[in-house]
Amino acid sequence: MAGSNSKSIVWLSFLAFFSVLNETIFNVSLPDIATQFSIAPSSANWVNTSFILTFAIGTAVYGKLSDLYGTKKLLLFGLWIYGIGSFMGILFHLWYPGVLAARLIQGAGVSAVPALIMVIIARYIDAEHQGKAFGMVGSMVACGEGIGPVIGGGITEYLHWSMLFLLPMMTLLTIPFFMRMMPDETSKRGKTDIIGASLLSGGIVAFTLFTTAYHWGFLVVCVLLFTAFGLRIRHAEQPFIEPDLFGKRTFIVGVLTGSLLLGTVAGYVSMTPYLMKEVHQLPTSLIGIGVLFPGTVSVVLFGIVGGVLVDKLGTVFTMLLGLCMIGASFLAVSLFPDRTPWLVSGTMVLIFGGLSFVKTVISASVAGALGSEDSGSGMGLLNFACFLAEGIGVATVGGLLTKSWLAFPLLPTVTDVDAFHYSNLMLILIAALVMGGIGFLMQTASHTNRPK
């Protein structure tokens, strides 16, 4: 791409925007999907969960394959798969299994973009333009995540949620550019641990099904597949995940607590449109622009602030501040879910701000626990685990929304019968938040007090 850096940066930014858009654009339409198909939230939330699962798994797989097959072939393959999944979504939008299949395929395709786009910049953009490229792509990612609920709400309200499948097809416009500008790469010899990837993927899907349906058979299958995966990575010549990483306690605690915290927030965000529809009767477009949009946009500012706080005041202070922002917001929604929708809108800013601090701390802590020889695979595993946790969080909250035993008056401040369920569910999310925070702080204290 040498000699055409400006054009390359524009196309990469365009690709980043329309690929990340699909992560958040369906959030506000989930209640409408549930209504159209007459299904419970636990089923409707799989429209997002299915996408996130294959997206997370695909990110890890494409990263492994890029060293063997090159970035050009894999990126073009991923974009075509993404386009096929989007077309399927439009074609089968009246058939719920078809919608789920389309979302699975979309996630499997578009996961090539985050896995490869940074590699493309490093390899094919001139060094003096790489900073600009990383900045532009990062801005487009933040913009796509922030504006997704707004676009999703508007299209769902005034057209139909199935039209959301059209927007990802914009990424196909970049294919001629990448075919022309990226050089052909020679495939290298090597092995990919397909068996390991399949065992891990199957175990994750089984566990996610358990968190939705609560059938113990899914949990048994999950345990068996994870056990087989553990045995596989110990004996495979080139394992899907390096087993040595699991021996690093600080690293593992960081990954687990980060996953729990991110999954909890993702579950809450997926619950919000149902709360706004059932308790406050807000239209879908207003949920997107009035409730979710302020929070998602605030991520850009708080992300910068979080980095400064970690450098100046340390990870413990920044983590506690983030947890307090999220916890106070969760408590406010639990106490007053039926008062005004704008309370939720205001707390959403604090929740996403706190999440930015938590993400920054987790990334810094995990990176500090890794050596230079395993930093790449370790950070890749962190991203993989956090993506998966978000999908599992969405599925778990969807399952809990269907449980009648949560719909009882508990807190005296809640008077609307329809709000009981949401108020009590918030208490469960607060408990998960506290568990994640305690786990991280205990490990940090243990690491700090360890004799050198």
Protein backbone atom coordinates (compact mmCIF):
# COMPACT_ATOMS: atom_id res chain seq x y z
CA MET A 1 0.00 0.00 0.00
CA ALA A 2 3.03 2.23 -0.12
CA GLY A 3 2.43 5.47 -2.02
CA SER A 4 -1.31 5.55 -1.33
CA ASN A 5 -1.37 5.84 2.44
CA SER A 6 -4.16 8.42 2.66
CA LYS A 7 -6.51 6.35 0.52
CA SER A 8 -5.56 3.23 2.47
CA ILE A 9 -6.34 4.88 5.81
CA VAL A 10 -9.74 6.04 4.53
CA TRP A 11 -10.70 2.54 3.37
CA LEU A 12 -9.43 0.92 6.57
CA SER A 13 -11.44 3.41 8.65
CA PHE A 14 -14.52 2.76 6.53
CA LEU A 15 -14.10 -0.98 7.07
CA ALA A 16 -13.56 -0.57 10.82
CA PHE A 17 -16.72 1.54 11.19
CA PHE A 18 -19.10 -0.79 9.35
CA SER A 19 -17.65 -3.93 10.90
CA VAL A 20 -17.90 -2.80 14.53
CA LEU A 21 -21.34 -1.29 13.94
CA ASN A 22 -22.85 -4.76 14.00
CA GLU A 23 -21.82 -5.30 17.63
CA THR A 24 -24.32 -2.77 18.99
CA ILE A 25 -26.83 -2.07 16.22
CA PHE A 26 -29.21 -4.91 17.20
CA ASN A 27 -29.27 -4.07 20.94
CA VAL A 28 -32.36 -1.87 20.92
CA SER A 29 -34.30 -4.07 18.48
CA LEU A 30 -34.27 -7.19 20.68
CA PRO A 31 -37.71 -6.50 22.25
CA ASP A 32 -39.17 -5.99 18.74
CA ILE A 33 -37.64 -9.28 17.59
CA ALA A 34 -39.08 -11.04 20.65
CA THR A 35 -42.53 -9.59 19.85
CA GLN A 36 -42.42 -10.52 16.16
CA PHE A 37 -41.50 -14.15 16.80
CA SER A 38 -43.49 -14.43 20.08
CA ILE A 39 -40.40 -15.63 21.93
CA ALA A 40 -38.96 -14.96 25.38
CA PRO A 41 -36.05 -12.54 25.96
CA SER A 42 -33.81 -15.57 26.60
CA SER A 43 -34.36 -16.60 22.98
CA ALA A 44 -34.34 -13.11 21.46
CA ASN A 45 -31.01 -12.29 23.12
CA TRP A 46 -29.42 -15.11 21.13
CA VAL A 47 -29.56 -12.75 18.15
CA ASN A 48 -26.69 -10.94 19.87
CA THR A 49 -25.18 -13.90 21.70
CA SER A 50 -24.78 -16.00 18.55
CA PHE A 51 -22.95 -13.15 16.84
CA ILE A 52 -20.64 -12.51 19.80
CA LEU A 53 -19.72 -16.19 20.22
CA THR A 54 -18.58 -16.74 16.64
CA PHE A 55 -17.01 -13.26 16.63
CA ALA A 56 -14.87 -14.09 19.67
CA ILE A 57 -13.87 -17.54 18.41
CA GLY A 58 -13.18 -16.20 14.93
CA THR A 59 -10.94 -13.45 16.27
CA ALA A 60 -8.69 -16.06 17.87
CA VAL A 61 -8.75 -18.36 14.84
CA TYR A 62 -7.96 -15.65 12.26
CA GLY A 63 -5.09 -14.43 14.44
CA LYS A 64 -3.63 -17.95 14.48
CA LEU A 65 -4.09 -18.42 10.75
CA SER A 66 -2.67 -15.07 9.64
CA ASP A 67 0.94 -16.21 10.05
CA LEU A 68 0.27 -19.24 7.82
CA TYR A 69 -1.97 -17.90 5.06
CA GLY A 70 -1.34 -14.16 5.08
CA THR A 71 -3.72 -11.30 5.81
CA LYS A 72 -5.07 -10.65 2.30
CA LYS A 73 -6.64 -14.06 1.73
CA LEU A 74 -8.12 -14.25 5.21
CA LEU A 75 -9.51 -10.70 5.15
CA LEU A 76 -11.19 -11.19 1.77
CA PHE A 77 -12.56 -14.55 2.92
CA GLY A 78 -13.94 -12.99 6.10
CA LEU A 79 -15.60 -10.11 4.24
CA TRP A 80 -17.31 -12.46 1.77
CA ILE A 81 -18.58 -14.61 4.65
CA TYR A 82 -19.81 -11.45 6.40
CA GLY A 83 -21.69 -10.39 3.28
CA ILE A 84 -23.25 -13.85 2.86
CA GLY A 85 -24.44 -13.80 6.47
CA SER A 86 -25.95 -10.33 6.03
CA PHE A 87 -27.77 -11.39 2.85
CA MET A 88 -29.09 -14.47 4.63
CA GLY A 89 -30.46 -12.26 7.41
CA ILE A 90 -32.52 -10.27 4.95
CA LEU A 91 -33.64 -13.36 3.07
CA PHE A 92 -34.73 -15.32 6.17
CA HIS A 93 -35.88 -12.49 8.45
CA LEU A 94 -39.31 -14.12 8.88
CA TRP A 95 -37.77 -17.37 10.17
CA TYR A 96 -36.10 -17.15 13.59
CA PRO A 97 -33.62 -20.05 13.08
CA GLY A 98 -32.59 -18.39 9.82
CA VAL A 99 -31.93 -15.12 11.66
CA LEU A 100 -29.74 -16.92 14.20
CA ALA A 101 -27.84 -18.72 11.44
CA ALA A 102 -27.26 -15.39 9.71
CA ARG A 103 -25.89 -13.83 12.88
CA LEU A 104 -23.59 -16.80 13.48
CA ILE A 105 -22.20 -16.47 9.96
CA GLN A 106 -21.86 -12.69 10.30
CA GLY A 107 -19.78 -13.09 13.45
CA ALA A 108 -17.58 -15.76 11.85
CA GLY A 109 -16.89 -13.44 8.91
CA VAL A 110 -16.44 -10.02 10.47
CA SER A 111 -14.15 -11.35 13.21
CA ALA A 112 -11.42 -11.24 10.55
CA VAL A 113 -11.41 -7.44 10.73
CA PRO A 114 -10.25 -6.82 14.34
CA ALA A 115 -7.92 -9.81 14.11
CA LEU A 116 -6.18 -8.55 10.96
CA ILE A 117 -6.66 -4.80 10.57
CA MET A 118 -3.86 -3.89 13.00
CA VAL A 119 -1.54 -6.36 11.25
CA ILE A 120 -2.40 -4.72 7.91
CA ILE A 121 -1.52 -1.27 9.24
CA ALA A 122 1.77 -2.52 10.69
CA ARG A 123 2.76 -4.33 7.47
CA TYR A 124 1.48 -2.10 4.68
CA ILE A 125 1.22 1.48 5.94
CA ASP A 126 4.44 3.52 5.90
CA ALA A 127 5.90 3.99 9.39
CA GLU A 128 5.43 7.77 9.36
CA HIS A 129 1.69 7.31 8.70
CA GLN A 130 0.99 4.44 11.10
CA GLY A 131 0.13 6.67 14.07
CA LYS A 132 -2.47 8.45 11.98
CA ALA A 133 -3.85 5.13 10.76
CA PHE A 134 -4.16 3.64 14.27
CA GLY A 135 -5.81 6.85 15.50
CA MET A 136 -8.31 6.99 12.66
CA VAL A 137 -9.25 3.33 12.96
CA GLY A 138 -9.62 3.65 16.74
CA SER A 139 -11.87 6.68 16.32
CA MET A 140 -14.05 4.88 13.78
CA VAL A 141 -14.37 1.87 16.10
CA ALA A 142 -15.51 4.11 18.95
CA CYS A 143 -17.86 5.99 16.61
CA GLY A 144 -19.36 2.75 15.28
CA GLU A 145 -19.97 1.37 18.76
CA GLY A 146 -21.50 4.64 19.93
CA ILE A 147 -23.79 5.35 17.01
CA GLY A 148 -24.91 1.73 16.57
CA PRO A 149 -27.85 1.96 19.00
CA VAL A 150 -29.00 5.23 17.40
CA ILE A 151 -29.02 3.81 13.88
CA GLY A 152 -30.52 0.54 15.10
CA GLY A 153 -33.30 2.30 16.97
CA GLY A 154 -34.18 4.60 14.07
CA ILE A 155 -34.26 1.86 11.44
CA THR A 156 -36.26 -0.48 13.69
CA GLU A 157 -38.78 2.21 14.59
CA TYR A 158 -39.38 3.67 11.12
CA LEU A 159 -38.55 0.76 8.78
CA HIS A 160 -38.03 -2.75 10.18
CA TRP A 161 -35.30 -4.42 12.22
CA SER A 162 -34.47 -6.77 9.33
CA MET A 163 -33.11 -3.75 7.43
CA LEU A 164 -30.23 -3.74 9.93
CA PHE A 165 -28.75 -6.60 7.92
CA LEU A 166 -28.26 -4.25 4.96
CA LEU A 167 -25.71 -1.96 6.59
CA PRO A 168 -22.94 -4.57 7.10
CA MET A 169 -22.99 -5.25 3.36
CA MET A 170 -21.30 -1.86 2.95
CA THR A 171 -18.05 -3.61 3.87
CA LEU A 172 -18.19 -5.42 0.51
CA LEU A 173 -17.34 -2.08 -1.12
CA THR A 174 -13.81 -2.39 0.29
CA ILE A 175 -13.07 -5.71 -1.42
CA PRO A 176 -11.92 -4.25 -4.80
CA PHE A 177 -9.56 -1.90 -2.96
CA PHE A 178 -7.92 -4.64 -0.88
CA MET A 179 -7.66 -6.96 -3.87
CA ARG A 180 -5.86 -4.27 -5.84
CA MET A 181 -3.67 -2.68 -3.17
CA MET A 182 -2.59 -5.59 -0.93
CA PRO A 183 0.18 -7.81 -2.32
CA ASP A 184 -0.33 -11.53 -2.69
CA GLU A 185 1.32 -13.47 0.12
CA THR A 186 2.85 -16.93 0.04
CA SER A 187 1.28 -19.47 2.35
CA LYS A 188 3.60 -20.99 4.93
CA ARG A 189 3.75 -24.49 6.26
CA GLY A 190 2.36 -25.05 9.70
CA LYS A 191 -0.38 -26.67 11.69
CA THR A 192 -3.58 -25.25 13.07
CA ASP A 193 -5.11 -26.93 16.08
CA ILE A 194 -8.57 -27.38 14.58
CA ILE A 195 -9.45 -30.07 17.11
CA GLY A 196 -8.55 -27.83 20.04
CA ALA A 197 -10.49 -24.91 18.59
CA SER A 198 -13.52 -27.14 18.00
CA LEU A 199 -13.47 -28.56 21.54
CA LEU A 200 -13.19 -25.10 23.08
CA SER A 201 -15.93 -23.68 20.84
CA GLY A 202 -18.27 -26.57 21.62
CA GLY A 203 -17.69 -26.19 25.35
CA ILE A 204 -18.42 -22.47 25.20
CA VAL A 205 -21.65 -22.97 23.25
CA ALA A 206 -22.78 -25.70 25.68
CA PHE A 207 -22.11 -23.46 28.68
CA THR A 208 -23.96 -20.55 27.07
CA LEU A 209 -26.94 -22.79 26.36
CA PHE A 210 -26.89 -23.83 30.03
CA THR A 211 -27.00 -20.20 31.18
CA THR A 212 -30.06 -19.66 28.99
CA ALA A 213 -32.07 -22.87 29.40
CA TYR A 214 -30.65 -24.19 32.71
CA HIS A 215 -30.67 -27.79 31.43
CA TRP A 216 -28.02 -29.76 33.31
CA GLY A 217 -27.27 -31.84 30.24
CA PHE A 218 -25.67 -28.77 28.63
CA LEU A 219 -23.43 -28.33 31.69
CA VAL A 220 -22.32 -31.98 31.57
CA VAL A 221 -21.43 -31.64 27.88
CA CYS A 222 -19.59 -28.39 28.67
CA VAL A 223 -17.45 -30.04 31.38
CA LEU A 224 -16.61 -32.99 29.13
CA LEU A 225 -15.58 -30.77 26.22
CA PHE A 226 -13.49 -28.45 28.41
CA THR A 227 -11.77 -31.48 29.96
CA ALA A 228 -10.98 -32.83 26.50
CA PHE A 229 -9.70 -29.37 25.50
CA GLY A 230 -7.39 -29.28 28.54
CA LEU A 231 -5.93 -32.65 27.59
CA ARG A 232 -5.63 -31.59 23.96
CA ILE A 233 -3.57 -28.45 24.53
CA ARG A 234 -1.13 -30.40 26.73
CA HIS A 235 -0.32 -32.87 23.97
CA ALA A 236 -0.84 -30.95 20.71
CA GLU A 237 2.30 -29.92 18.84
CA GLN A 238 0.97 -26.40 18.26
CA PRO A 239 -1.96 -25.98 20.69
CA PHE A 240 -4.78 -23.51 20.10
CA ILE A 241 -3.94 -21.88 23.46
CA GLU A 242 -0.53 -22.24 25.07
CA PRO A 243 -0.98 -24.26 28.31
CA ASP A 244 1.85 -22.33 30.03
CA LEU A 245 -0.45 -19.31 30.23
CA PHE A 246 -2.72 -21.14 32.66
CA GLY A 247 0.18 -21.41 35.12
CA LYS A 248 0.39 -17.63 35.52
CA ARG A 249 -1.92 -16.89 38.46
CA THR A 250 -2.00 -13.10 38.09
CA PHE A 251 -2.76 -13.45 34.41
CA ILE A 252 -5.59 -15.96 34.95
CA VAL A 253 -7.20 -13.92 37.74
CA GLY A 254 -7.05 -10.83 35.54
CA VAL A 255 -8.70 -12.66 32.65
CA LEU A 256 -11.41 -14.22 34.84
CA THR A 257 -12.30 -11.06 36.77
CA GLY A 258 -12.20 -8.96 33.61
CA SER A 259 -14.50 -11.41 31.88
CA LEU A 260 -16.94 -11.43 34.81
CA LEU A 261 -17.08 -7.63 34.99
CA LEU A 262 -17.43 -7.10 31.25
CA GLY A 263 -20.03 -9.86 30.97
CA THR A 264 -22.06 -8.29 33.79
CA VAL A 265 -22.17 -4.89 32.11
CA ALA A 266 -22.98 -6.45 28.72
CA GLY A 267 -25.88 -8.31 30.32
CA TYR A 268 -27.20 -5.08 31.83
CA VAL A 269 -27.02 -3.25 28.51
CA SER A 270 -28.98 -6.05 26.84
CA MET A 271 -31.63 -5.78 29.59
CA THR A 272 -32.13 -2.03 29.25
CA PRO A 273 -34.30 -2.03 26.08
CA TYR A 274 -36.70 -4.52 27.72
CA LEU A 275 -36.93 -2.30 30.81
CA MET A 276 -37.58 0.78 28.71
CA LYS A 277 -40.26 -0.98 26.65
CA GLU A 278 -42.13 -2.77 29.43
CA VAL A 279 -41.96 -0.24 32.26
CA HIS A 280 -41.68 3.11 30.46
CA GLN A 281 -43.21 2.30 27.04
CA LEU A 282 -40.46 4.17 25.18
CA PRO A 283 -40.32 3.81 21.38
CA THR A 284 -37.33 1.92 19.99
CA SER A 285 -35.79 5.00 18.36
CA LEU A 286 -35.81 6.93 21.65
CA ILE A 287 -34.20 4.02 23.51
CA GLY A 288 -31.32 4.15 21.06
CA ILE A 289 -30.66 7.86 20.97
CA GLY A 290 -31.89 8.91 24.41
CA VAL A 291 -30.88 6.04 26.69
CA LEU A 292 -27.98 4.05 25.18
CA PHE A 293 -26.26 6.65 22.99
CA PRO A 294 -24.98 8.98 25.79
CA GLY A 295 -23.27 6.08 27.52
CA THR A 296 -21.64 4.55 24.46
CA VAL A 297 -20.30 7.93 23.32
CA SER A 298 -18.83 8.66 26.77
CA VAL A 299 -16.48 5.67 26.33
CA VAL A 300 -14.17 7.76 24.14
CA LEU A 301 -13.59 10.41 26.84
CA PHE A 302 -13.43 8.03 29.79
CA GLY A 303 -11.02 5.74 27.95
CA ILE A 304 -8.47 8.57 27.79
CA VAL A 305 -9.07 9.54 31.42
CA GLY A 306 -8.66 5.91 32.53
CA GLY A 307 -5.23 5.66 30.95
CA VAL A 308 -4.09 8.83 32.74
CA LEU A 309 -5.46 7.61 36.09
CA VAL A 310 -3.65 4.26 35.83
CA ASP A 311 -0.36 6.00 35.09
CA LYS A 312 -0.70 8.61 37.84
CA LEU A 313 -2.71 6.93 40.64
CA GLY A 314 -2.28 3.22 39.97
CA THR A 315 -4.48 0.30 39.03
CA VAL A 316 -6.14 -0.23 42.43
CA PHE A 317 -7.50 3.33 42.65
CA THR A 318 -8.68 3.29 39.05
CA MET A 319 -10.36 -0.10 39.46
CA LEU A 320 -12.13 0.98 42.67
CA LEU A 321 -13.33 4.17 41.00
CA GLY A 322 -14.68 2.23 38.03
CA LEU A 323 -16.40 -0.34 40.24
CA CYS A 324 -17.98 2.40 42.38
CA MET A 325 -19.32 4.18 39.27
CA ILE A 326 -20.87 0.98 37.92
CA GLY A 327 -22.08 -0.24 41.33
CA ALA A 328 -23.72 3.07 42.28
CA SER A 329 -25.48 3.15 38.91
CA PHE A 330 -26.70 -0.44 39.26
CA LEU A 331 -28.00 0.33 42.76
CA ALA A 332 -29.84 3.45 41.56
CA VAL A 333 -31.57 1.48 38.80
CA SER A 334 -32.43 -1.31 41.25
CA LEU A 335 -33.99 1.17 43.70
CA PHE A 336 -35.82 3.34 41.15
CA PRO A 337 -36.37 1.42 37.89
CA ASP A 338 -39.91 2.80 37.52
CA ARG A 339 -39.37 6.49 38.32
CA THR A 340 -38.07 7.96 35.06
CA PRO A 341 -36.25 6.56 32.03
CA TRP A 342 -33.80 9.47 32.16
CA LEU A 343 -32.38 8.12 35.40
CA VAL A 344 -31.26 5.07 33.41
CA SER A 345 -29.91 7.34 30.67
CA GLY A 346 -27.82 9.29 33.19
CA THR A 347 -26.50 6.21 34.94
CA MET A 348 -25.57 4.72 31.56
CA VAL A 349 -22.86 7.38 31.23
CA LEU A 350 -21.39 6.37 34.59
CA ILE A 351 -21.64 2.66 33.74
CA PHE A 352 -19.79 2.99 30.45
CA GLY A 353 -17.30 5.36 32.08
CA GLY A 354 -16.63 2.88 34.86
CA LEU A 355 -16.35 0.12 32.28
CA SER A 356 -13.65 2.09 30.47
CA PHE A 357 -11.66 2.33 33.72
CA VAL A 358 -12.10 -1.39 34.40
CA LYS A 359 -11.00 -2.34 30.87
CA THR A 360 -7.92 -0.15 31.14
CA VAL A 361 -6.92 -1.65 34.48
CA ILE A 362 -7.49 -5.23 33.37
CA SER A 363 -5.44 -4.71 30.20
CA ALA A 364 -2.59 -3.08 32.13
CA SER A 365 -2.60 -5.75 34.84
CA VAL A 366 -2.70 -8.68 32.43
CA ALA A 367 0.02 -7.15 30.25
CA GLY A 368 2.19 -6.67 33.35
CA ALA A 369 1.83 -10.35 34.26
CA LEU A 370 3.15 -11.50 30.88
CA GLY A 371 6.68 -11.74 29.57
CA SER A 372 7.72 -10.50 26.15
CA GLU A 373 7.71 -14.06 24.79
CA ASP A 374 4.02 -14.68 25.57
CA SER A 375 2.53 -11.17 25.48
CA GLY A 376 0.95 -11.68 22.07
CA SER A 377 -0.81 -14.93 22.86
CA GLY A 378 -1.72 -13.73 26.36
CA MET A 379 -3.37 -10.50 25.25
CA GLY A 380 -5.10 -12.41 22.47
CA LEU A 381 -6.53 -14.81 25.06
CA LEU A 382 -7.72 -11.86 27.17
CA ASN A 383 -9.60 -10.34 24.23
CA PHE A 384 -11.01 -13.74 23.34
CA ALA A 385 -12.24 -14.36 26.90
CA CYS A 386 -13.79 -10.91 27.27
CA PHE A 387 -15.69 -11.17 23.97
CA LEU A 388 -17.03 -14.55 25.06
CA ALA A 389 -17.99 -13.22 28.48
CA GLU A 390 -20.06 -10.50 26.87
CA GLY A 391 -21.98 -13.08 24.86
CA ILE A 392 -22.50 -15.26 27.92
CA GLY A 393 -23.61 -12.21 29.94
CA VAL A 394 -26.24 -11.34 27.35
CA ALA A 395 -27.49 -14.94 27.28
CA THR A 396 -27.56 -15.23 31.09
CA VAL A 397 -29.57 -12.04 31.57
CA GLY A 398 -31.95 -13.12 28.82
CA GLY A 399 -32.51 -16.38 30.70
CA LEU A 400 -33.09 -14.58 34.01
CA LEU A 401 -35.66 -12.27 32.43
CA THR A 402 -37.88 -15.31 31.88
CA LYS A 403 -37.75 -16.51 35.51
CA SER A 404 -40.99 -15.79 37.37
CA TRP A 405 -39.34 -16.27 40.77
CA LEU A 406 -37.58 -12.92 40.27
CA ALA A 407 -40.86 -11.01 39.85
CA PHE A 408 -41.74 -10.27 43.47
CA PRO A 409 -41.71 -7.09 45.59
CA LEU A 410 -38.44 -6.83 47.50
CA LEU A 411 -37.28 -3.22 47.66
CA PRO A 412 -39.83 -0.76 49.15
CA THR A 413 -38.87 1.96 46.66
CA VAL A 414 -40.23 -0.03 43.68
CA THR A 415 -44.00 0.30 43.21
CA ASP A 416 -44.64 -0.72 39.58
CA VAL A 417 -45.41 -4.44 39.32
CA ASP A 418 -43.70 -4.62 35.93
CA ALA A 419 -40.49 -3.26 37.47
CA PHE A 420 -40.09 -5.87 40.23
CA HIS A 421 -38.32 -8.31 37.93
CA TYR A 422 -35.79 -5.74 36.71
CA SER A 423 -35.09 -4.39 40.20
CA ASN A 424 -34.31 -7.82 41.60
CA LEU A 425 -32.22 -8.76 38.58
CA MET A 426 -30.09 -5.68 39.21
CA LEU A 427 -29.25 -7.05 42.67
CA ILE A 428 -27.88 -10.20 41.03
CA LEU A 429 -25.75 -8.06 38.72
CA ILE A 430 -24.47 -6.08 41.72
CA ALA A 431 -23.44 -9.36 43.38
CA ALA A 432 -21.55 -10.41 40.24
CA LEU A 433 -19.86 -7.00 40.12
CA VAL A 434 -18.76 -7.30 43.76
CA MET A 435 -17.40 -10.83 43.18
CA GLY A 436 -15.32 -9.66 40.23
CA GLY A 437 -13.97 -6.66 42.13
CA ILE A 438 -13.05 -8.69 45.21
CA GLY A 439 -11.29 -11.31 43.08
CA PHE A 440 -9.16 -8.68 41.35
CA LEU A 441 -8.33 -6.74 44.53
CA MET A 442 -7.40 -9.90 46.47
CA GLN A 443 -5.04 -10.99 43.72
CA THR A 444 -3.53 -7.50 43.53
CA ALA A 445 -2.96 -7.44 47.29
CA SER A 446 -1.43 -10.92 47.18
CA HIS A 447 0.89 -9.92 44.34
CA THR A 448 1.90 -6.68 46.09
CA ASN A 449 2.68 -8.39 49.42
CA ARG A 450 4.60 -11.28 47.83
CA PRO A 451 8.28 -11.20 48.91
CA LYS A 452 10.63 -10.22 46.12
